[in-house]
N, C-alpha and C. Protein backbone atom coordinates (compact mmCIF):
# COMPACT_ATOMS: atom_id res chain seq x y z
N MET A 1 54.77 -7.38 -0.64
CA MET A 1 56.07 -7.22 0.08
C MET A 1 57.20 -7.74 -0.67
N GLU A 2 57.04 -8.97 -1.27
CA GLU A 2 58.11 -9.62 -2.00
C GLU A 2 58.53 -8.76 -3.21
N ARG A 3 57.55 -8.21 -3.91
CA ARG A 3 57.86 -7.46 -5.11
C ARG A 3 58.61 -6.13 -4.67
N LYS A 4 58.21 -5.50 -3.58
CA LYS A 4 58.83 -4.30 -3.10
C LYS A 4 60.30 -4.55 -2.71
N LEU A 5 60.57 -5.67 -2.02
CA LEU A 5 61.92 -6.07 -1.61
C LEU A 5 62.75 -6.36 -2.82
N ASP A 6 62.17 -7.07 -3.81
CA ASP A 6 62.86 -7.39 -5.00
C ASP A 6 63.42 -6.10 -5.70
N ARG A 7 62.55 -5.08 -5.71
CA ARG A 7 62.92 -3.80 -6.32
C ARG A 7 64.00 -3.07 -5.51
N MET A 8 63.95 -3.26 -4.20
CA MET A 8 64.92 -2.60 -3.35
C MET A 8 66.34 -3.07 -3.58
N ILE A 9 66.47 -4.35 -3.94
CA ILE A 9 67.78 -4.95 -4.13
C ILE A 9 67.88 -5.36 -5.60
N ALA A 10 68.13 -4.29 -6.50
CA ALA A 10 68.13 -4.58 -7.93
C ALA A 10 69.47 -5.11 -8.37
N HIS A 11 70.52 -4.71 -7.71
CA HIS A 11 71.86 -5.30 -7.99
C HIS A 11 72.76 -5.12 -6.78
N ILE A 12 73.82 -5.92 -6.77
CA ILE A 12 74.81 -5.84 -5.76
C ILE A 12 76.23 -5.72 -6.41
N GLN A 13 76.99 -4.68 -5.97
CA GLN A 13 78.26 -4.51 -6.55
C GLN A 13 79.29 -4.42 -5.47
N GLY A 14 80.39 -5.12 -5.63
CA GLY A 14 81.40 -5.10 -4.58
C GLY A 14 82.57 -6.06 -4.94
N ARG A 15 83.33 -6.39 -3.93
CA ARG A 15 84.53 -7.22 -4.17
C ARG A 15 84.16 -8.71 -4.00
N LEU A 16 84.60 -9.45 -4.99
CA LEU A 16 84.30 -10.91 -4.94
C LEU A 16 85.20 -11.57 -3.93
N ILE A 17 84.60 -12.16 -2.93
CA ILE A 17 85.34 -12.86 -1.85
C ILE A 17 85.47 -14.35 -2.11
N GLU A 18 84.31 -14.90 -2.55
CA GLU A 18 84.30 -16.42 -2.77
C GLU A 18 83.43 -16.67 -4.01
N LYS A 19 83.92 -17.75 -4.69
CA LYS A 19 83.18 -18.14 -5.96
C LYS A 19 83.19 -19.66 -6.11
N THR A 20 81.95 -20.24 -6.23
CA THR A 20 81.78 -21.69 -6.49
C THR A 20 80.77 -21.72 -7.62
N PRO A 21 80.63 -22.90 -8.26
CA PRO A 21 79.67 -23.04 -9.40
C PRO A 21 78.21 -22.71 -8.98
N THR A 22 77.89 -22.71 -7.76
CA THR A 22 76.49 -22.47 -7.33
C THR A 22 76.28 -21.18 -6.54
N GLN A 23 77.38 -20.61 -6.03
CA GLN A 23 77.17 -19.33 -5.26
C GLN A 23 78.44 -18.48 -5.27
N VAL A 24 78.19 -17.16 -4.99
CA VAL A 24 79.38 -16.29 -4.71
C VAL A 24 79.13 -15.52 -3.43
N VAL A 25 80.19 -15.01 -2.87
CA VAL A 25 80.02 -14.02 -1.82
C VAL A 25 80.68 -12.74 -2.23
N ILE A 26 79.91 -11.67 -2.18
CA ILE A 26 80.35 -10.34 -2.55
C ILE A 26 80.41 -9.47 -1.33
N ASP A 27 81.56 -8.82 -1.09
CA ASP A 27 81.68 -7.87 -0.01
C ASP A 27 81.24 -6.48 -0.46
N CYS A 28 80.23 -5.94 0.15
CA CYS A 28 79.71 -4.70 -0.22
C CYS A 28 79.60 -3.83 1.02
N GLY A 29 80.46 -2.86 1.15
CA GLY A 29 80.49 -1.99 2.36
C GLY A 29 80.70 -2.75 3.60
N GLY A 30 81.48 -3.79 3.58
CA GLY A 30 81.84 -4.52 4.82
C GLY A 30 80.83 -5.65 5.10
N VAL A 31 79.80 -5.84 4.32
CA VAL A 31 78.85 -6.88 4.46
C VAL A 31 78.97 -7.93 3.32
N GLY A 32 79.10 -9.24 3.73
CA GLY A 32 79.34 -10.25 2.69
C GLY A 32 77.98 -10.82 2.31
N TYR A 33 77.59 -10.63 1.02
CA TYR A 33 76.33 -11.16 0.56
C TYR A 33 76.50 -12.52 -0.11
N GLN A 34 75.82 -13.53 0.39
CA GLN A 34 75.81 -14.80 -0.25
C GLN A 34 74.76 -14.87 -1.31
N ILE A 35 75.18 -15.11 -2.59
CA ILE A 35 74.29 -14.98 -3.70
C ILE A 35 74.34 -16.31 -4.52
N HIS A 36 73.21 -16.86 -4.76
CA HIS A 36 73.12 -18.10 -5.54
C HIS A 36 73.08 -17.80 -7.00
N ILE A 37 73.87 -18.58 -7.73
CA ILE A 37 74.06 -18.23 -9.21
C ILE A 37 73.86 -19.47 -10.02
N SER A 38 73.70 -19.28 -11.31
CA SER A 38 73.57 -20.42 -12.31
C SER A 38 75.04 -20.67 -12.79
N LEU A 39 75.16 -21.80 -13.46
CA LEU A 39 76.45 -22.08 -14.13
C LEU A 39 76.77 -21.10 -15.21
N HIS A 40 75.70 -20.60 -15.85
CA HIS A 40 75.87 -19.60 -16.95
C HIS A 40 76.64 -18.36 -16.34
N THR A 41 76.04 -17.88 -15.19
CA THR A 41 76.66 -16.72 -14.57
C THR A 41 78.06 -16.98 -14.00
N TYR A 42 78.24 -18.19 -13.48
CA TYR A 42 79.57 -18.59 -12.92
C TYR A 42 80.58 -18.52 -14.04
N SER A 43 80.28 -19.01 -15.24
CA SER A 43 81.25 -19.07 -16.36
C SER A 43 81.63 -17.67 -16.83
N GLN A 44 80.75 -16.66 -16.49
CA GLN A 44 81.05 -15.30 -16.98
C GLN A 44 81.79 -14.45 -15.92
N ILE A 45 81.93 -14.94 -14.76
CA ILE A 45 82.47 -14.17 -13.63
C ILE A 45 84.02 -14.38 -13.62
N GLU A 46 84.71 -13.27 -13.58
CA GLU A 46 86.18 -13.28 -13.45
C GLU A 46 86.57 -12.84 -12.07
N GLN A 47 87.71 -13.27 -11.55
CA GLN A 47 88.12 -12.76 -10.26
C GLN A 47 88.41 -11.28 -10.37
N THR A 48 87.61 -10.57 -9.59
CA THR A 48 87.65 -9.07 -9.83
C THR A 48 87.47 -8.32 -8.52
N GLU A 49 87.90 -7.20 -8.49
CA GLU A 49 87.70 -6.27 -7.31
C GLU A 49 86.40 -5.65 -7.35
N ASN A 50 85.74 -5.63 -8.44
CA ASN A 50 84.50 -4.89 -8.59
C ASN A 50 83.47 -5.64 -9.45
N LEU A 51 82.79 -6.52 -8.80
CA LEU A 51 81.82 -7.35 -9.54
C LEU A 51 80.37 -6.83 -9.28
N ARG A 52 79.60 -6.81 -10.37
CA ARG A 52 78.17 -6.44 -10.22
C ARG A 52 77.33 -7.59 -10.71
N LEU A 53 76.35 -7.97 -9.89
CA LEU A 53 75.37 -8.91 -10.27
C LEU A 53 73.97 -8.37 -10.09
N TYR A 54 73.07 -8.58 -11.07
CA TYR A 54 71.68 -8.22 -10.99
C TYR A 54 71.07 -9.25 -10.10
N THR A 55 70.17 -8.84 -9.16
CA THR A 55 69.69 -9.77 -8.13
C THR A 55 68.16 -9.90 -8.09
N TYR A 56 67.78 -10.97 -7.47
CA TYR A 56 66.34 -11.17 -7.13
C TYR A 56 66.25 -11.85 -5.75
N LEU A 57 65.47 -11.30 -4.88
CA LEU A 57 65.36 -11.81 -3.55
C LEU A 57 64.11 -12.62 -3.47
N GLN A 58 64.20 -13.91 -3.27
CA GLN A 58 63.06 -14.79 -3.10
C GLN A 58 62.71 -14.95 -1.66
N ILE A 59 61.49 -14.62 -1.31
CA ILE A 59 61.08 -14.68 0.11
C ILE A 59 60.13 -15.82 0.38
N LYS A 60 60.48 -16.66 1.29
CA LYS A 60 59.61 -17.73 1.75
C LYS A 60 59.48 -17.66 3.23
N ASP A 61 58.53 -18.41 3.80
CA ASP A 61 58.38 -18.31 5.25
C ASP A 61 59.57 -18.75 6.05
N ASP A 62 60.35 -19.73 5.48
CA ASP A 62 61.51 -20.25 6.24
C ASP A 62 62.86 -19.76 5.71
N ALA A 63 62.86 -18.89 4.68
CA ALA A 63 64.15 -18.41 4.15
C ALA A 63 64.02 -17.24 3.26
N HIS A 64 65.00 -16.36 3.21
CA HIS A 64 65.16 -15.33 2.21
C HIS A 64 66.34 -15.65 1.40
N THR A 65 66.21 -15.89 0.13
CA THR A 65 67.28 -16.38 -0.76
C THR A 65 67.60 -15.39 -1.86
N LEU A 66 68.84 -15.02 -1.94
CA LEU A 66 69.29 -14.03 -2.89
C LEU A 66 69.88 -14.67 -4.12
N PHE A 67 69.29 -14.49 -5.31
CA PHE A 67 69.86 -15.06 -6.50
C PHE A 67 70.48 -13.94 -7.33
N GLY A 68 71.62 -14.22 -8.00
CA GLY A 68 72.31 -13.24 -8.75
C GLY A 68 72.51 -13.70 -10.20
N PHE A 69 72.58 -12.70 -11.07
CA PHE A 69 72.63 -12.95 -12.56
C PHE A 69 73.53 -12.03 -13.18
N ILE A 70 74.31 -12.52 -14.15
CA ILE A 70 75.28 -11.73 -14.83
C ILE A 70 74.69 -10.64 -15.73
N ASP A 71 73.45 -10.89 -16.22
CA ASP A 71 72.84 -9.89 -17.05
C ASP A 71 71.30 -9.86 -16.75
N LYS A 72 70.64 -8.83 -17.23
CA LYS A 72 69.18 -8.60 -16.94
C LYS A 72 68.31 -9.68 -17.60
N ILE A 73 68.72 -10.14 -18.78
CA ILE A 73 67.87 -11.08 -19.45
C ILE A 73 67.74 -12.44 -18.64
N GLU A 74 68.92 -12.83 -18.09
CA GLU A 74 68.87 -14.08 -17.30
C GLU A 74 67.95 -13.84 -16.04
N ARG A 75 68.04 -12.64 -15.44
CA ARG A 75 67.20 -12.37 -14.27
C ARG A 75 65.68 -12.39 -14.64
N GLU A 76 65.36 -11.78 -15.79
CA GLU A 76 63.98 -11.73 -16.19
C GLU A 76 63.41 -13.15 -16.56
N LEU A 77 64.26 -13.97 -17.15
CA LEU A 77 63.89 -15.37 -17.46
C LEU A 77 63.70 -16.14 -16.14
N PHE A 78 64.55 -15.88 -15.17
CA PHE A 78 64.42 -16.54 -13.83
C PHE A 78 63.06 -16.19 -13.27
N LYS A 79 62.67 -14.90 -13.26
CA LYS A 79 61.42 -14.44 -12.72
C LYS A 79 60.24 -15.02 -13.48
N LEU A 80 60.38 -15.14 -14.79
CA LEU A 80 59.32 -15.80 -15.55
C LEU A 80 59.15 -17.24 -15.17
N LEU A 81 60.29 -17.94 -15.09
CA LEU A 81 60.24 -19.36 -14.72
C LEU A 81 59.59 -19.67 -13.37
N ILE A 82 59.98 -18.80 -12.39
CA ILE A 82 59.37 -19.08 -11.05
C ILE A 82 57.94 -18.67 -10.99
N SER A 83 57.42 -18.01 -11.96
CA SER A 83 56.00 -17.69 -12.03
C SER A 83 55.16 -18.90 -12.49
N VAL A 84 55.84 -19.92 -12.96
CA VAL A 84 55.16 -21.14 -13.46
C VAL A 84 54.96 -22.10 -12.23
N SER A 85 53.77 -22.58 -12.14
CA SER A 85 53.38 -23.48 -11.09
C SER A 85 54.31 -24.72 -11.06
N GLY A 86 54.92 -24.97 -9.91
CA GLY A 86 55.78 -26.16 -9.77
C GLY A 86 57.25 -25.87 -9.99
N ILE A 87 57.56 -24.62 -10.39
CA ILE A 87 58.98 -24.30 -10.51
C ILE A 87 59.42 -23.29 -9.45
N GLY A 88 60.37 -23.76 -8.62
CA GLY A 88 60.88 -22.91 -7.53
C GLY A 88 62.17 -22.31 -7.97
N GLY A 89 62.82 -21.56 -7.11
CA GLY A 89 64.06 -20.93 -7.34
C GLY A 89 65.19 -21.82 -7.76
N ASN A 90 65.37 -22.90 -7.09
CA ASN A 90 66.42 -23.86 -7.36
C ASN A 90 66.23 -24.56 -8.83
N THR A 91 64.92 -24.96 -9.05
CA THR A 91 64.66 -25.47 -10.32
C THR A 91 64.89 -24.53 -11.50
N ALA A 92 64.49 -23.27 -11.28
CA ALA A 92 64.75 -22.22 -12.34
C ALA A 92 66.21 -22.04 -12.53
N ARG A 93 66.99 -22.05 -11.42
CA ARG A 93 68.45 -21.98 -11.59
C ARG A 93 69.03 -23.19 -12.32
N ASN A 94 68.50 -24.39 -12.09
CA ASN A 94 68.98 -25.55 -12.76
C ASN A 94 68.72 -25.47 -14.33
N ILE A 95 67.51 -24.92 -14.61
CA ILE A 95 67.19 -24.67 -16.01
C ILE A 95 68.19 -23.77 -16.68
N LEU A 96 68.48 -22.64 -15.98
CA LEU A 96 69.36 -21.67 -16.56
C LEU A 96 70.83 -22.08 -16.57
N SER A 97 71.12 -23.09 -15.70
CA SER A 97 72.45 -23.71 -15.76
C SER A 97 72.64 -24.77 -16.88
N SER A 98 71.51 -25.30 -17.29
CA SER A 98 71.58 -26.34 -18.30
C SER A 98 71.35 -25.90 -19.71
N ILE A 99 70.66 -24.75 -19.88
CA ILE A 99 70.33 -24.26 -21.18
C ILE A 99 70.71 -22.74 -21.23
N THR A 100 71.31 -22.24 -22.25
CA THR A 100 71.66 -20.84 -22.36
C THR A 100 70.39 -19.99 -22.46
N THR A 101 70.47 -18.73 -22.18
CA THR A 101 69.27 -17.88 -22.19
C THR A 101 68.72 -17.84 -23.61
N LYS A 102 69.56 -17.77 -24.53
CA LYS A 102 69.09 -17.79 -25.97
C LYS A 102 68.37 -19.05 -26.33
N GLU A 103 69.00 -20.20 -25.94
CA GLU A 103 68.32 -21.54 -26.26
C GLU A 103 67.03 -21.64 -25.56
N LEU A 104 66.91 -21.13 -24.31
CA LEU A 104 65.67 -21.25 -23.56
C LEU A 104 64.57 -20.35 -24.20
N LEU A 105 64.96 -19.11 -24.58
CA LEU A 105 64.02 -18.22 -25.27
C LEU A 105 63.52 -18.90 -26.60
N GLN A 106 64.46 -19.49 -27.32
CA GLN A 106 64.10 -20.16 -28.57
C GLN A 106 63.12 -21.36 -28.33
N ALA A 107 63.44 -22.11 -27.30
CA ALA A 107 62.66 -23.33 -27.00
C ALA A 107 61.21 -22.87 -26.58
N ILE A 108 61.13 -21.92 -25.73
CA ILE A 108 59.76 -21.43 -25.32
C ILE A 108 58.98 -20.84 -26.43
N ALA A 109 59.62 -19.98 -27.27
CA ALA A 109 58.91 -19.36 -28.41
C ALA A 109 58.54 -20.39 -29.45
N ALA A 110 59.30 -21.38 -29.63
CA ALA A 110 59.06 -22.44 -30.63
C ALA A 110 58.18 -23.56 -30.15
N GLY A 111 57.86 -23.53 -28.88
CA GLY A 111 57.11 -24.71 -28.34
C GLY A 111 57.88 -25.98 -28.28
N ASP A 112 59.22 -25.84 -28.10
CA ASP A 112 60.13 -27.01 -28.07
C ASP A 112 60.27 -27.56 -26.73
N ALA A 113 59.34 -28.46 -26.37
CA ALA A 113 59.37 -29.01 -25.00
C ALA A 113 60.56 -29.93 -24.74
N LYS A 114 61.11 -30.56 -25.82
CA LYS A 114 62.13 -31.58 -25.64
C LYS A 114 63.40 -30.85 -25.14
N THR A 115 63.68 -29.64 -25.61
CA THR A 115 64.85 -28.93 -25.10
C THR A 115 64.74 -28.66 -23.58
N ILE A 116 63.55 -28.23 -23.16
CA ILE A 116 63.31 -27.95 -21.74
C ILE A 116 63.35 -29.21 -20.93
N GLN A 117 62.85 -30.27 -21.48
CA GLN A 117 62.82 -31.62 -20.80
C GLN A 117 64.27 -32.20 -20.64
N SER A 118 65.24 -31.64 -21.42
CA SER A 118 66.57 -32.18 -21.33
C SER A 118 67.22 -31.73 -20.01
N VAL A 119 66.59 -30.84 -19.27
CA VAL A 119 67.06 -30.46 -17.92
C VAL A 119 66.71 -31.53 -16.94
N LYS A 120 67.66 -31.97 -16.18
CA LYS A 120 67.41 -33.04 -15.13
C LYS A 120 66.33 -32.57 -14.19
N GLY A 121 65.36 -33.42 -13.97
CA GLY A 121 64.29 -33.15 -13.07
C GLY A 121 63.05 -32.50 -13.71
N ILE A 122 63.18 -32.07 -14.95
CA ILE A 122 61.97 -31.53 -15.64
C ILE A 122 61.28 -32.55 -16.48
N GLY A 123 60.09 -32.86 -16.16
CA GLY A 123 59.29 -33.81 -16.88
C GLY A 123 58.46 -33.23 -17.98
N VAL A 124 57.71 -34.08 -18.68
CA VAL A 124 56.90 -33.63 -19.80
C VAL A 124 55.93 -32.53 -19.39
N LYS A 125 55.19 -32.81 -18.32
CA LYS A 125 54.15 -31.85 -17.92
C LYS A 125 54.73 -30.50 -17.55
N THR A 126 55.82 -30.52 -16.83
CA THR A 126 56.44 -29.17 -16.42
C THR A 126 56.92 -28.49 -17.64
N ALA A 127 57.53 -29.16 -18.57
CA ALA A 127 58.06 -28.49 -19.83
C ALA A 127 56.93 -27.91 -20.65
N GLN A 128 55.82 -28.64 -20.74
CA GLN A 128 54.66 -28.15 -21.43
C GLN A 128 54.01 -26.95 -20.72
N ARG A 129 54.03 -26.98 -19.37
CA ARG A 129 53.47 -25.85 -18.61
C ARG A 129 54.32 -24.61 -18.83
N VAL A 130 55.62 -24.81 -18.85
CA VAL A 130 56.52 -23.63 -19.11
C VAL A 130 56.12 -22.95 -20.48
N ILE A 131 56.01 -23.78 -21.45
CA ILE A 131 55.62 -23.27 -22.78
C ILE A 131 54.25 -22.62 -22.74
N LEU A 132 53.30 -23.28 -22.21
CA LEU A 132 51.91 -22.74 -22.13
C LEU A 132 51.85 -21.44 -21.44
N ASP A 133 52.52 -21.36 -20.30
CA ASP A 133 52.40 -20.13 -19.49
C ASP A 133 53.35 -18.99 -20.01
N LEU A 134 54.47 -19.33 -20.66
CA LEU A 134 55.39 -18.26 -20.97
C LEU A 134 55.58 -17.93 -22.43
N GLN A 135 55.05 -18.79 -23.32
CA GLN A 135 55.27 -18.53 -24.73
C GLN A 135 54.85 -17.20 -25.23
N GLU A 136 53.60 -16.80 -24.88
CA GLU A 136 53.10 -15.54 -25.33
C GLU A 136 53.87 -14.35 -24.70
N LYS A 137 54.25 -14.52 -23.48
CA LYS A 137 54.97 -13.43 -22.78
C LYS A 137 56.39 -13.26 -23.39
N VAL A 138 57.04 -14.36 -23.71
CA VAL A 138 58.38 -14.34 -24.25
C VAL A 138 58.34 -13.67 -25.63
N ILE A 139 57.36 -14.04 -26.43
CA ILE A 139 57.17 -13.45 -27.76
C ILE A 139 56.93 -11.93 -27.70
N LYS A 140 56.14 -11.51 -26.70
CA LYS A 140 55.85 -10.10 -26.54
C LYS A 140 57.03 -9.31 -25.96
N LEU A 141 57.71 -9.87 -24.96
CA LEU A 141 58.74 -9.17 -24.27
C LEU A 141 60.06 -9.03 -25.02
N TYR A 142 60.29 -9.97 -25.92
CA TYR A 142 61.60 -9.94 -26.64
C TYR A 142 61.27 -9.84 -28.19
N ASN A 143 62.22 -9.19 -28.87
CA ASN A 143 62.10 -9.18 -30.28
C ASN A 143 62.35 -10.57 -30.81
N ILE A 144 61.26 -11.31 -31.01
CA ILE A 144 61.38 -12.70 -31.29
C ILE A 144 61.99 -12.98 -32.65
N GLU A 145 61.99 -11.99 -33.58
CA GLU A 145 62.66 -12.22 -34.86
C GLU A 145 64.18 -12.28 -34.76
N GLU A 146 64.63 -11.56 -33.65
CA GLU A 146 66.07 -11.70 -33.39
C GLU A 146 66.43 -12.98 -32.66
N VAL A 147 65.58 -13.25 -31.63
CA VAL A 147 65.86 -14.43 -30.81
C VAL A 147 65.59 -15.73 -31.57
N LEU A 148 64.58 -15.78 -32.40
CA LEU A 148 64.21 -16.96 -33.12
C LEU A 148 63.96 -16.74 -34.57
N PRO A 149 64.98 -16.40 -35.36
CA PRO A 149 64.80 -16.21 -36.76
C PRO A 149 64.21 -17.42 -37.40
N ILE A 150 64.69 -18.61 -36.99
CA ILE A 150 64.17 -19.86 -37.40
C ILE A 150 64.85 -21.00 -36.59
N ILE A 151 64.12 -22.02 -36.31
CA ILE A 151 64.75 -23.11 -35.53
C ILE A 151 65.98 -23.70 -36.35
N ASN A 152 67.11 -23.72 -35.67
CA ASN A 152 68.30 -24.03 -36.32
C ASN A 152 68.57 -25.56 -36.27
N ASN A 153 68.30 -26.24 -37.33
CA ASN A 153 68.69 -27.60 -37.46
C ASN A 153 68.92 -27.94 -38.88
N THR A 154 69.58 -29.10 -39.12
CA THR A 154 70.07 -29.37 -40.50
C THR A 154 68.84 -29.64 -41.44
N ASN A 155 67.77 -30.23 -40.90
CA ASN A 155 66.56 -30.50 -41.76
C ASN A 155 66.02 -29.22 -42.28
N VAL A 156 65.98 -28.17 -41.47
CA VAL A 156 65.50 -26.90 -41.91
C VAL A 156 66.38 -26.32 -42.96
N ASP A 157 67.72 -26.37 -42.75
CA ASP A 157 68.62 -25.80 -43.69
C ASP A 157 68.54 -26.56 -45.08
N GLU A 158 68.45 -27.87 -45.00
CA GLU A 158 68.34 -28.62 -46.26
C GLU A 158 67.00 -28.31 -46.98
N ALA A 159 65.94 -28.22 -46.23
CA ALA A 159 64.65 -27.92 -46.83
C ALA A 159 64.65 -26.49 -47.44
N LEU A 160 65.27 -25.58 -46.77
CA LEU A 160 65.26 -24.16 -47.34
C LEU A 160 66.15 -24.17 -48.64
N SER A 161 67.17 -24.88 -48.58
CA SER A 161 68.10 -24.87 -49.76
C SER A 161 67.33 -25.54 -50.99
N ALA A 162 66.58 -26.56 -50.70
CA ALA A 162 65.81 -27.22 -51.78
C ALA A 162 64.73 -26.29 -52.32
N LEU A 163 64.11 -25.49 -51.36
CA LEU A 163 63.01 -24.59 -51.83
C LEU A 163 63.62 -23.40 -52.63
N GLU A 164 64.80 -23.05 -52.27
CA GLU A 164 65.54 -21.97 -53.09
C GLU A 164 65.74 -22.48 -54.48
N VAL A 165 66.25 -23.71 -54.59
CA VAL A 165 66.49 -24.32 -55.91
C VAL A 165 65.23 -24.35 -56.73
N LEU A 166 64.14 -24.65 -56.03
CA LEU A 166 62.79 -24.65 -56.73
C LEU A 166 62.22 -23.26 -57.10
N GLY A 167 63.06 -22.20 -56.68
CA GLY A 167 62.69 -20.89 -57.15
C GLY A 167 62.01 -19.97 -56.11
N PHE A 168 61.94 -20.43 -54.88
CA PHE A 168 61.25 -19.62 -53.88
C PHE A 168 62.28 -18.72 -53.16
N VAL A 169 61.81 -17.49 -52.82
CA VAL A 169 62.64 -16.56 -52.11
C VAL A 169 62.86 -17.05 -50.68
N ARG A 170 64.14 -17.13 -50.23
CA ARG A 170 64.45 -17.72 -48.93
C ARG A 170 63.72 -17.08 -47.78
N LYS A 171 63.64 -15.68 -47.74
CA LYS A 171 63.02 -15.01 -46.67
C LYS A 171 61.58 -15.39 -46.48
N THR A 172 60.87 -15.57 -47.63
CA THR A 172 59.46 -16.02 -47.64
C THR A 172 59.37 -17.43 -47.13
N ALA A 173 60.28 -18.26 -47.68
CA ALA A 173 60.28 -19.68 -47.32
C ALA A 173 60.52 -19.88 -45.83
N GLU A 174 61.44 -19.03 -45.27
CA GLU A 174 61.80 -19.18 -43.86
C GLU A 174 60.55 -19.07 -42.96
N LYS A 175 59.70 -18.09 -43.21
CA LYS A 175 58.53 -17.87 -42.37
C LYS A 175 57.60 -19.09 -42.44
N THR A 176 57.41 -19.61 -43.67
CA THR A 176 56.51 -20.83 -43.77
C THR A 176 57.15 -22.00 -43.12
N VAL A 177 58.39 -22.24 -43.30
CA VAL A 177 59.13 -23.41 -42.75
C VAL A 177 59.08 -23.28 -41.20
N ASP A 178 59.30 -22.04 -40.71
CA ASP A 178 59.32 -21.85 -39.30
C ASP A 178 58.01 -22.31 -38.67
N LYS A 179 56.88 -21.96 -39.28
CA LYS A 179 55.56 -22.37 -38.79
C LYS A 179 55.42 -23.91 -38.81
N ILE A 180 55.88 -24.53 -39.86
CA ILE A 180 55.81 -25.97 -40.02
C ILE A 180 56.54 -26.70 -38.90
N VAL A 181 57.83 -26.21 -38.62
CA VAL A 181 58.68 -26.85 -37.69
C VAL A 181 58.21 -26.61 -36.23
N LYS A 182 57.57 -25.47 -36.05
CA LYS A 182 57.03 -25.23 -34.66
C LYS A 182 55.92 -26.29 -34.32
N GLN A 183 55.14 -26.56 -35.36
CA GLN A 183 54.06 -27.58 -35.14
C GLN A 183 54.59 -29.00 -35.22
N ASN A 184 55.67 -29.21 -35.91
CA ASN A 184 56.22 -30.55 -36.05
C ASN A 184 57.76 -30.50 -35.87
N PRO A 185 58.22 -30.43 -34.61
CA PRO A 185 59.64 -30.25 -34.28
C PRO A 185 60.51 -31.38 -34.84
N ASP A 186 60.03 -32.58 -35.03
CA ASP A 186 60.80 -33.65 -35.56
C ASP A 186 60.62 -33.91 -37.02
N ALA A 187 60.10 -32.91 -37.70
CA ALA A 187 59.74 -33.13 -39.16
C ALA A 187 60.99 -33.46 -40.01
N SER A 188 60.76 -34.34 -40.90
CA SER A 188 61.83 -34.74 -41.84
C SER A 188 61.99 -33.68 -42.91
N VAL A 189 63.09 -33.70 -43.70
CA VAL A 189 63.28 -32.76 -44.77
C VAL A 189 62.14 -32.84 -45.77
N GLU A 190 61.82 -34.06 -46.13
CA GLU A 190 60.79 -34.34 -47.13
C GLU A 190 59.41 -33.73 -46.66
N PHE A 191 59.11 -33.97 -45.38
CA PHE A 191 57.82 -33.50 -44.85
C PHE A 191 57.78 -31.93 -44.83
N ILE A 192 58.91 -31.32 -44.48
CA ILE A 192 58.95 -29.85 -44.46
C ILE A 192 58.78 -29.26 -45.86
N ILE A 193 59.44 -29.89 -46.83
CA ILE A 193 59.36 -29.37 -48.20
C ILE A 193 57.96 -29.58 -48.73
N LYS A 194 57.30 -30.76 -48.53
CA LYS A 194 55.95 -31.01 -49.00
C LYS A 194 54.94 -29.98 -48.37
N GLN A 195 55.08 -29.76 -47.07
CA GLN A 195 54.15 -28.86 -46.41
C GLN A 195 54.41 -27.45 -46.86
N ALA A 196 55.65 -27.06 -47.06
CA ALA A 196 55.96 -25.68 -47.55
C ALA A 196 55.42 -25.51 -48.94
N LEU A 197 55.48 -26.46 -49.80
CA LEU A 197 55.01 -26.31 -51.14
C LEU A 197 53.47 -26.12 -51.22
N LYS A 198 52.81 -26.64 -50.22
CA LYS A 198 51.36 -26.42 -50.12
C LYS A 198 50.99 -25.01 -49.67
N ASN A 199 51.92 -24.37 -48.93
CA ASN A 199 51.58 -23.16 -48.25
C ASN A 199 52.27 -21.88 -48.91
N LEU A 200 53.26 -22.16 -49.81
CA LEU A 200 53.99 -21.03 -50.43
C LEU A 200 53.26 -20.53 -51.65
């Protein structure tokens, strides 16, 4: 039943009546729909006569809650997050409010639990469960080479520059360094270079 209702309300389009950081009211055909949103969606909404949000209807015994998203990727990430044991609609919305969709995809794909833990109320176990349950799905669903060309940090950049100086092709080095940093997120420049030299 929940999946059928979710498909019935794929999006809502109408006049924006009310807007706060956590919810909006959209008038659609004379009916005002109260829709819960993330800060990401809030920041993208302008006062408009014609607002469209992609929606997901979460059904529980005591409530039917409508969540809205500025784009389909955010909605799909929300649906993935609530499929993880221990993560409800509000927690998923908090995650999407604290981390951009791109950062969240990167964190899940790279096994970066620290980024997910940076969200208030998300502990070590929950962050690890998100990665365990969703990493494979995220890599399959999205073109991960676009989403995660390589973990972006200064240690990686310095290590790649050093490997180029040593004569290695950057594109080849990136793939090797990416694997090293996935397994060792806090790796130093020296550690990355030494491990790369063993594998290139």
